[in-house]
Amino acid sequence: MRPLLLAFALALAPALAPVPAVAAEVPDSAHRQKALALAQTVQSQEIAVDSSMSVIDGQMVDAMMADPDVKKLEAAHPGAVRAMWEGAKPVMRQQLVTSLPDLWQHLADVYAAHLTDAQIDATTAFFRTPTGHKFLLQMNRRVDVRPMVADATVGEGKIRQQTYESGATAAAVGAIGDMTDAERAEIARFLTTDAGKALGATAPDVTRTGLEWMNRTDTAAQARVGAAMKAALDRFLAQHR
């Protein structure tokens, strides 16, 4: 079960595969529409934006406090770090909303390149069941973003593959623990189907392309978040002199 979960987690980890794998052939439009529908199911706004922001909101202040300078700022001005994050949060949420259609398109490229029509149909159907949907939500809620933030703030500022894989596996295992016995049995049955195995087999390409996407530098986005944090900090300090 654990190797299956690892492959499954790496194939489904939130917002980790927006760079397409190279397809041997150009999928026809009907096949691509099926792949797009699967992408929109696996990474719906509820999962990719609402749930993700809830997870990040619960962890970001702790992640920021790992920086010694930020820790000093908080010691001198208690509440400043939370204020900075609250200022940045709407900007980050809007960026997620704006980028979601692009995420769907790139996920569709991956699915269209690796899965047959029948495999896509079966996978989409599974994730639209109560069990499949619950598993997606629980896995997303179990992601620990703090190690990834730590990777991104040291050295070359790149998230390591080991961090990526460990986080995805832990999230999947944690999500399985949140399910009932009947739900776990339903997931296990899907993982052993042709569609489940095919989805898990995409994990190496998803890992590679996901890391490439996460480690790209978006200077404009960084500037917007930084400006929002600075404005929030200025307001906080003005109110707490």
C-alpha atoms as a PDB file:
ATOM      1  CA  MET A   1       0.000   0.000   0.000  1.00  0.00           C
ATOM      2  CA  ARG A   2       2.769   2.489   0.861  1.00  0.00           C
ATOM      3  CA  PRO A   3       4.496   2.416  -2.586  1.00  0.00           C
ATOM      4  CA  LEU A   4       1.082   2.893  -4.208  1.00  0.00           C
ATOM      5  CA  LEU A   5       0.367   5.812  -1.891  1.00  0.00           C
ATOM      6  CA  LEU A   6       3.700   7.427  -2.724  1.00  0.00           C
ATOM      7  CA  ALA A   7       3.008   7.278  -6.441  1.00  0.00           C
ATOM      8  CA  PHE A   8      -0.564   8.393  -5.856  1.00  0.00           C
ATOM      9  CA  ALA A   9       0.509  11.332  -3.688  1.00  0.00           C
ATOM     10  CA  LEU A  10       3.117  12.542  -6.148  1.00  0.00           C
ATOM     11  CA  ALA A  11       0.574  12.359  -8.949  1.00  0.00           C
ATOM     12  CA  LEU A  12      -1.999  14.366  -7.004  1.00  0.00           C
ATOM     13  CA  ALA A  13      -0.100  16.737  -4.697  1.00  0.00           C
ATOM     14  CA  PRO A  14      -1.715  20.181  -4.877  1.00  0.00           C
ATOM     15  CA  ALA A  15      -0.411  22.606  -7.495  1.00  0.00           C
ATOM     16  CA  LEU A  16       2.654  20.516  -8.153  1.00  0.00           C
ATOM     17  CA  ALA A  17       2.340  19.628 -11.825  1.00  0.00           C
ATOM     18  CA  PRO A  18       1.585  22.657 -13.960  1.00  0.00           C
ATOM     19  CA  VAL A  19       4.416  22.021 -16.433  1.00  0.00           C
ATOM     20  CA  PRO A  20       3.337  19.499 -19.071  1.00  0.00           C
ATOM     21  CA  ALA A  21       5.165  16.287 -19.809  1.00  0.00           C
ATOM     22  CA  VAL A  22       6.206  15.843 -23.426  1.00  0.00           C
ATOM     23  CA  ALA A  23       3.626  13.786 -25.285  1.00  0.00           C
ATOM     24  CA  ALA A  24       4.546  11.392 -28.054  1.00  0.00           C
ATOM     25  CA  GLU A  25       1.480  12.492 -30.036  1.00  0.00           C
ATOM     26  CA  VAL A  26      -0.805  15.489 -29.956  1.00  0.00           C
ATOM     27  CA  PRO A  27      -4.018  14.344 -28.219  1.00  0.00           C
ATOM     28  CA  ASP A  28      -7.235  14.923 -30.127  1.00  0.00           C
ATOM     29  CA  SER A  29      -9.639  17.570 -28.841  1.00  0.00           C
ATOM     30  CA  ALA A  30     -12.105  15.101 -27.297  1.00  0.00           C
ATOM     31  CA  HIS A  31      -9.338  13.329 -25.386  1.00  0.00           C
ATOM     32  CA  ARG A  32      -7.941  16.636 -24.194  1.00  0.00           C
ATOM     33  CA  GLN A  33     -11.377  17.783 -22.992  1.00  0.00           C
ATOM     34  CA  LYS A  34     -11.617  14.644 -20.897  1.00  0.00           C
ATOM     35  CA  ALA A  35      -8.160  15.349 -19.478  1.00  0.00           C
ATOM     36  CA  LEU A  36      -9.158  18.934 -18.706  1.00  0.00           C
ATOM     37  CA  ALA A  37     -12.286  17.739 -16.889  1.00  0.00           C
ATOM     38  CA  LEU A  38     -10.098  15.459 -14.762  1.00  0.00           C
ATOM     39  CA  ALA A  39      -7.756  18.353 -13.953  1.00  0.00           C
ATOM     40  CA  GLN A  40     -10.715  20.521 -12.932  1.00  0.00           C
ATOM     41  CA  THR A  41     -11.960  17.716 -10.699  1.00  0.00           C
ATOM     42  CA  VAL A  42      -8.640  16.973  -9.009  1.00  0.00           C
ATOM     43  CA  GLN A  43      -7.759  20.653  -8.552  1.00  0.00           C
ATOM     44  CA  SER A  44     -11.115  22.390  -8.178  1.00  0.00           C
ATOM     45  CA  GLN A  45     -11.158  25.869  -6.670  1.00  0.00           C
ATOM     46  CA  GLU A  46     -12.343  24.316  -3.410  1.00  0.00           C
ATOM     47  CA  ILE A  47      -9.166  22.228  -3.274  1.00  0.00           C
ATOM     48  CA  ALA A  48      -6.542  24.325  -5.051  1.00  0.00           C
ATOM     49  CA  VAL A  49      -7.553  27.694  -3.598  1.00  0.00           C
ATOM     50  CA  ASP A  50      -9.929  27.498  -0.619  1.00  0.00           C
ATOM     51  CA  SER A  51      -8.400  24.453   1.072  1.00  0.00           C
ATOM     52  CA  SER A  52      -4.827  25.411   0.187  1.00  0.00           C
ATOM     53  CA  MET A  53      -5.197  28.904   1.629  1.00  0.00           C
ATOM     54  CA  SER A  54      -6.663  27.465   4.817  1.00  0.00           C
ATOM     55  CA  VAL A  55      -3.639  25.183   5.197  1.00  0.00           C
ATOM     56  CA  ILE A  56      -1.153  27.945   4.418  1.00  0.00           C
ATOM     57  CA  ASP A  57      -2.912  30.327   6.800  1.00  0.00           C
ATOM     58  CA  GLY A  58      -2.446  27.889   9.660  1.00  0.00           C
ATOM     59  CA  GLN A  59       1.263  27.379   9.016  1.00  0.00           C
ATOM     60  CA  MET A  60       2.744  30.480   7.401  1.00  0.00           C
ATOM     61  CA  VAL A  61       3.449  32.508  10.541  1.00  0.00           C
ATOM     62  CA  ASP A  62       5.430  29.606  12.031  1.00  0.00           C
ATOM     63  CA  ALA A  63       7.250  29.164   8.721  1.00  0.00           C
ATOM     64  CA  MET A  64       8.166  32.859   8.605  1.00  0.00           C
ATOM     65  CA  MET A  65       9.375  32.754  12.209  1.00  0.00           C
ATOM     66  CA  ALA A  66      12.052  30.247  11.204  1.00  0.00           C
ATOM     67  CA  ASP A  67      13.941  33.219   9.735  1.00  0.00           C
ATOM     68  CA  PRO A  68      16.141  34.750  12.499  1.00  0.00           C
ATOM     69  CA  ASP A  69      15.480  38.319  11.349  1.00  0.00           C
ATOM     70  CA  VAL A  70      11.728  37.761  11.323  1.00  0.00           C
ATOM     71  CA  LYS A  71      11.968  36.185  14.766  1.00  0.00           C
ATOM     72  CA  LYS A  72      13.767  39.292  16.045  1.00  0.00           C
ATOM     73  CA  LEU A  73      11.091  41.513  14.525  1.00  0.00           C
ATOM     74  CA  GLU A  74       8.375  39.543  16.298  1.00  0.00           C
ATOM     75  CA  ALA A  75      10.249  39.711  19.609  1.00  0.00           C
ATOM     76  CA  ALA A  76      10.492  43.462  19.327  1.00  0.00           C
ATOM     77  CA  HIS A  77       6.936  43.935  18.027  1.00  0.00           C
ATOM     78  CA  PRO A  78       4.646  41.038  19.067  1.00  0.00           C
ATOM     79  CA  GLY A  79       1.961  40.472  16.456  1.00  0.00           C
ATOM     80  CA  ALA A  80       3.932  42.035  13.607  1.00  0.00           C
ATOM     81  CA  VAL A  81       4.486  38.766  11.719  1.00  0.00           C
ATOM     82  CA  ARG A  82       0.808  37.847  11.789  1.00  0.00           C
ATOM     83  CA  ALA A  83      -0.003  41.363  10.556  1.00  0.00           C
ATOM     84  CA  MET A  84       2.447  40.959   7.665  1.00  0.00           C
ATOM     85  CA  TRP A  85       0.928  37.638   6.691  1.00  0.00           C
ATOM     86  CA  GLU A  86      -2.613  39.016   6.886  1.00  0.00           C
ATOM     87  CA  GLY A  87      -1.535  41.740   4.489  1.00  0.00           C
ATOM     88  CA  ALA A  88      -0.040  39.276   2.035  1.00  0.00           C
ATOM     89  CA  LYS A  89      -2.825  36.684   2.254  1.00  0.00           C
ATOM     90  CA  PRO A  90      -5.346  38.358  -0.105  1.00  0.00           C
ATOM     91  CA  VAL A  91      -2.595  38.907  -2.678  1.00  0.00           C
ATOM     92  CA  MET A  92      -1.556  35.267  -2.561  1.00  0.00           C
ATOM     93  CA  ARG A  93      -5.158  34.102  -2.787  1.00  0.00           C
ATOM     94  CA  GLN A  94      -5.766  36.237  -5.860  1.00  0.00           C
ATOM     95  CA  GLN A  95      -2.644  34.853  -7.494  1.00  0.00           C
ATOM     96  CA  LEU A  96      -3.927  31.319  -6.908  1.00  0.00           C
ATOM     97  CA  VAL A  97      -7.321  32.184  -8.398  1.00  0.00           C
ATOM     98  CA  THR A  98      -5.705  33.844 -11.397  1.00  0.00           C
ATOM     99  CA  SER A  99      -3.334  30.957 -12.064  1.00  0.00           C
ATOM    100  CA  LEU A 100      -5.888  28.166 -11.590  1.00  0.00           C
ATOM    101  CA  PRO A 101      -6.996  27.953 -15.270  1.00  0.00           C
ATOM    102  CA  ASP A 102      -3.331  27.719 -16.268  1.00  0.00           C
ATOM    103  CA  LEU A 103      -2.851  24.915 -13.733  1.00  0.00           C
ATOM    104  CA  TRP A 104      -5.812  23.064 -15.246  1.00  0.00           C
ATOM    105  CA  GLN A 105      -4.371  23.365 -18.754  1.00  0.00           C
ATOM    106  CA  HIS A 106      -0.978  22.022 -17.764  1.00  0.00           C
ATOM    107  CA  LEU A 107      -2.432  19.212 -15.679  1.00  0.00           C
ATOM    108  CA  ALA A 108      -4.578  18.318 -18.688  1.00  0.00           C
ATOM    109  CA  ASP A 109      -1.395  18.070 -20.778  1.00  0.00           C
ATOM    110  CA  VAL A 110       0.014  15.539 -18.316  1.00  0.00           C
ATOM    111  CA  TYR A 111      -3.149  13.460 -18.139  1.00  0.00           C
ATOM    112  CA  ALA A 112      -3.729  13.567 -21.902  1.00  0.00           C
ATOM    113  CA  ALA A 113      -0.163  12.425 -22.550  1.00  0.00           C
ATOM    114  CA  HIS A 114      -0.215   9.497 -20.126  1.00  0.00           C
ATOM    115  CA  LEU A 115      -3.791   8.239 -19.732  1.00  0.00           C
ATOM    116  CA  THR A 116      -6.240   6.684 -22.155  1.00  0.00           C
ATOM    117  CA  ASP A 117      -9.834   7.860 -22.500  1.00  0.00           C
ATOM    118  CA  ALA A 118     -11.035   4.955 -20.372  1.00  0.00           C
ATOM    119  CA  GLN A 119      -8.434   5.623 -17.664  1.00  0.00           C
ATOM    120  CA  ILE A 120      -9.328   9.313 -17.551  1.00  0.00           C
ATOM    121  CA  ASP A 121     -13.043   8.515 -17.335  1.00  0.00           C
ATOM    122  CA  ALA A 122     -12.512   6.035 -14.502  1.00  0.00           C
ATOM    123  CA  THR A 123     -10.210   8.393 -12.574  1.00  0.00           C
ATOM    124  CA  THR A 124     -12.587  11.335 -12.951  1.00  0.00           C
ATOM    125  CA  ALA A 125     -15.507   9.196 -11.823  1.00  0.00           C
ATOM    126  CA  PHE A 126     -13.601   8.031  -8.733  1.00  0.00           C
ATOM    127  CA  PHE A 127     -12.643  11.530  -7.629  1.00  0.00           C
ATOM    128  CA  ARG A 128     -16.234  12.676  -8.019  1.00  0.00           C
ATOM    129  CA  THR A 129     -17.419  10.071  -5.524  1.00  0.00           C
ATOM    130  CA  PRO A 130     -17.742  11.171  -1.872  1.00  0.00           C
ATOM    131  CA  THR A 131     -14.733   9.020  -0.967  1.00  0.00           C
ATOM    132  CA  GLY A 132     -12.529  10.314  -3.768  1.00  0.00           C
ATOM    133  CA  HIS A 133     -13.432  13.927  -3.060  1.00  0.00           C
ATOM    134  CA  LYS A 134     -12.861  13.502   0.663  1.00  0.00           C
ATOM    135  CA  PHE A 135      -9.462  11.947   0.040  1.00  0.00           C
ATOM    136  CA  LEU A 136      -8.378  14.902  -2.126  1.00  0.00           C
ATOM    137  CA  LEU A 137      -9.465  17.390   0.523  1.00  0.00           C
ATOM    138  CA  GLN A 138      -7.872  15.500   3.397  1.00  0.00           C
ATOM    139  CA  MET A 139      -4.596  15.039   1.554  1.00  0.00           C
ATOM    140  CA  ASN A 140      -4.473  18.746   0.773  1.00  0.00           C
ATOM    141  CA  ARG A 141      -5.228  19.631   4.395  1.00  0.00           C
ATOM    142  CA  ARG A 142      -2.408  17.362   5.545  1.00  0.00           C
ATOM    143  CA  VAL A 143       0.316  19.098   3.525  1.00  0.00           C
ATOM    144  CA  ASP A 144       3.026  20.653   5.704  1.00  0.00           C
ATOM    145  CA  VAL A 145       4.228  23.743   3.825  1.00  0.00           C
ATOM    146  CA  ARG A 146       6.868  24.695   6.402  1.00  0.00           C
ATOM    147  CA  PRO A 147       9.696  22.462   5.095  1.00  0.00           C
ATOM    148  CA  MET A 148       9.117  23.796   1.588  1.00  0.00           C
ATOM    149  CA  VAL A 149       9.210  27.383   2.844  1.00  0.00           C
ATOM    150  CA  ALA A 150      12.427  26.573   4.712  1.00  0.00           C
ATOM    151  CA  ASP A 151      14.005  25.155   1.535  1.00  0.00           C
ATOM    152  CA  ALA A 152      12.970  28.226  -0.432  1.00  0.00           C
ATOM    153  CA  THR A 153      14.617  30.642   2.003  1.00  0.00           C
ATOM    154  CA  VAL A 154      18.127  29.134   2.141  1.00  0.00           C
ATOM    155  CA  GLY A 155      20.907  28.467  -0.347  1.00  0.00           C
ATOM    156  CA  GLU A 156      19.673  28.729  -3.912  1.00  0.00           C
ATOM    157  CA  GLY A 157      16.096  29.103  -2.750  1.00  0.00           C
ATOM    158  CA  LYS A 158      14.991  25.835  -4.349  1.00  0.00           C
ATOM    159  CA  ILE A 159      12.611  23.222  -2.946  1.00  0.00           C
ATOM    160  CA  ARG A 160      14.430  19.900  -2.775  1.00  0.00           C
ATOM    161  CA  GLN A 161      13.030  16.729  -4.294  1.00  0.00           C
ATOM    162  CA  GLN A 162      13.343  14.945  -0.952  1.00  0.00           C
ATOM    163  CA  THR A 163      11.241  17.659   0.720  1.00  0.00           C
ATOM    164  CA  TYR A 164       8.658  17.419  -2.035  1.00  0.00           C
ATOM    165  CA  GLU A 165       8.362  13.641  -1.908  1.00  0.00           C
ATOM    166  CA  SER A 166       8.371  13.436   1.888  1.00  0.00           C
ATOM    167  CA  GLY A 167       5.607  16.030   2.140  1.00  0.00           C
ATOM    168  CA  ALA A 168       3.447  14.352  -0.482  1.00  0.00           C
ATOM    169  CA  THR A 169       3.846  10.912   1.086  1.00  0.00           C
ATOM    170  CA  ALA A 170       3.119  12.155   4.606  1.00  0.00           C
ATOM    171  CA  ALA A 171       0.017  13.981   3.344  1.00  0.00           C
ATOM    172  CA  ALA A 172      -1.291  10.880   1.596  1.00  0.00           C
ATOM    173  CA  VAL A 173      -0.632   8.606   4.578  1.00  0.00           C
ATOM    174  CA  GLY A 174      -2.264  11.122   6.903  1.00  0.00           C
ATOM    175  CA  ALA A 175      -5.271  11.404   4.614  1.00  0.00           C
ATOM    176  CA  ILE A 176      -5.675   7.624   4.556  1.00  0.00           C
ATOM    177  CA  GLY A 177      -5.704   7.676   8.345  1.00  0.00           C
ATOM    178  CA  ASP A 178      -8.580  10.159   8.232  1.00  0.00           C
ATOM    179  CA  MET A 179     -10.744   7.789   6.198  1.00  0.00           C
ATOM    180  CA  THR A 180     -13.084   5.101   7.468  1.00  0.00           C
ATOM    181  CA  ASP A 181     -12.333   1.419   6.900  1.00  0.00           C
ATOM    182  CA  ALA A 182     -14.900   1.317   4.096  1.00  0.00           C
ATOM    183  CA  GLU A 183     -13.394   4.397   2.460  1.00  0.00           C
ATOM    184  CA  ARG A 184      -9.866   2.983   2.709  1.00  0.00           C
ATOM    185  CA  ALA A 185     -11.065  -0.196   1.032  1.00  0.00           C
ATOM    186  CA  GLU A 186     -12.642   1.855  -1.761  1.00  0.00           C
ATOM    187  CA  ILE A 187      -9.391   3.776  -2.312  1.00  0.00           C
ATOM    188  CA  ALA A 188      -7.363   0.557  -2.299  1.00  0.00           C
ATOM    189  CA  ARG A 189      -9.666  -0.924  -4.945  1.00  0.00           C
ATOM    190  CA  PHE A 190      -9.196   2.105  -7.180  1.00  0.00           C
ATOM    191  CA  LEU A 191      -5.399   2.076  -6.773  1.00  0.00           C
ATOM    192  CA  THR A 192      -5.269  -1.510  -8.042  1.00  0.00           C
ATOM    193  CA  THR A 193      -7.390  -0.799 -11.127  1.00  0.00           C
ATOM    194  CA  ASP A 194      -5.912  -0.086 -14.530  1.00  0.00           C
ATOM    195  CA  ALA A 195      -6.753   3.599 -14.088  1.00  0.00           C
ATOM    196  CA  GLY A 196      -5.281   3.803 -10.594  1.00  0.00           C
ATOM    197  CA  LYS A 197      -2.022   2.167 -11.683  1.00  0.00           C
ATOM    198  CA  ALA A 198      -1.787   4.431 -14.729  1.00  0.00           C
ATOM    199  CA  LEU A 199      -2.293   7.517 -12.579  1.00  0.00           C
ATOM    200  CA  GLY A 200       0.395   6.386 -10.146  1.00  0.00           C
ATOM    201  CA  ALA A 201       2.792   5.738 -13.024  1.00  0.00           C
ATOM    202  CA  THR A 202       2.745   9.439 -13.902  1.00  0.00           C
ATOM    203  CA  ALA A 203       4.505  10.252 -10.606  1.00  0.00           C
ATOM    204  CA  PRO A 204       8.108  10.540 -11.941  1.00  0.00           C
ATOM    205  CA  ASP A 205       7.123  13.051 -14.622  1.00  0.00           C
ATOM    206  CA  VAL A 206       4.862  14.907 -12.214  1.00  0.00           C
ATOM    207  CA  THR A 207       7.663  15.129  -9.660  1.00  0.00           C
ATOM    208  CA  ARG A 208      10.139  16.474 -12.204  1.00  0.00           C
ATOM    209  CA  THR A 209       7.803  18.962 -13.815  1.00  0.00           C
ATOM    210  CA  GLY A 210       6.274  19.973 -10.492  1.00  0.00           C
ATOM    211  CA  LEU A 211       9.640  20.811  -8.991  1.00  0.00           C
ATOM    212  CA  GLU A 212      10.577  22.796 -12.083  1.00  0.00           C
ATOM    213  CA  TRP A 213       7.379  24.845 -11.758  1.00  0.00           C
ATOM    214  CA  MET A 214       7.674  25.444  -8.029  1.00  0.00           C
ATOM    215  CA  ASN A 215      11.289  26.493  -8.338  1.00  0.00           C
ATOM    216  CA  ARG A 216      10.728  29.032 -11.088  1.00  0.00           C
ATOM    217  CA  THR A 217      11.250  32.650 -10.003  1.00  0.00           C
ATOM    218  CA  ASP A 218       8.250  34.950 -10.471  1.00  0.00           C
ATOM    219  CA  THR A 219       9.732  38.322  -9.624  1.00  0.00           C
ATOM    220  CA  ALA A 220       6.482  40.202 -10.248  1.00  0.00           C
ATOM    221  CA  ALA A 221       4.562  37.978  -7.842  1.00  0.00           C
ATOM    222  CA  GLN A 222       7.314  38.236  -5.243  1.00  0.00           C
ATOM    223  CA  ALA A 223       7.222  42.010  -5.555  1.00  0.00           C
ATOM    224  CA  ARG A 224       3.449  42.137  -5.031  1.00  0.00           C
ATOM    225  CA  VAL A 225       3.628  39.944  -1.934  1.00  0.00           C
ATOM    226  CA  GLY A 226       6.584  41.888  -0.589  1.00  0.00           C
ATOM    227  CA  ALA A 227       4.835  45.209  -1.110  1.00  0.00           C
ATOM    228  CA  ALA A 228       1.701  43.921   0.636  1.00  0.00           C
ATOM    229  CA  MET A 229       3.748  42.685   3.598  1.00  0.00           C
ATOM    230  CA  LYS A 230       5.642  45.966   3.902  1.00  0.00           C
ATOM    231  CA  ALA A 231       2.445  48.017   3.779  1.00  0.00           C
ATOM    232  CA  ALA A 232       0.877  45.802   6.447  1.00  0.00           C
ATOM    233  CA  LEU A 233       3.961  46.070   8.655  1.00  0.00           C
ATOM    234  CA  ASP A 234       4.022  49.869   8.297  1.00  0.00           C
ATOM    235  CA  ARG A 235       0.375  50.032   9.354  1.00  0.00           C
ATOM    236  CA  PHE A 236       1.002  47.737  12.304  1.00  0.00           C
ATOM    237  CA  LEU A 237       3.984  49.717  13.556  1.00  0.00           C
ATOM    238  CA  ALA A 238       2.083  53.000  13.188  1.00  0.00           C
ATOM    239  CA  GLN A 239      -0.755  51.601  15.296  1.00  0.00           C
ATOM    240  CA  HIS A 240       1.537  50.093  17.973  1.00  0.00           C
ATOM    241  CA  ARG A 241       4.137  52.765  18.644  1.00  0.00           C
END
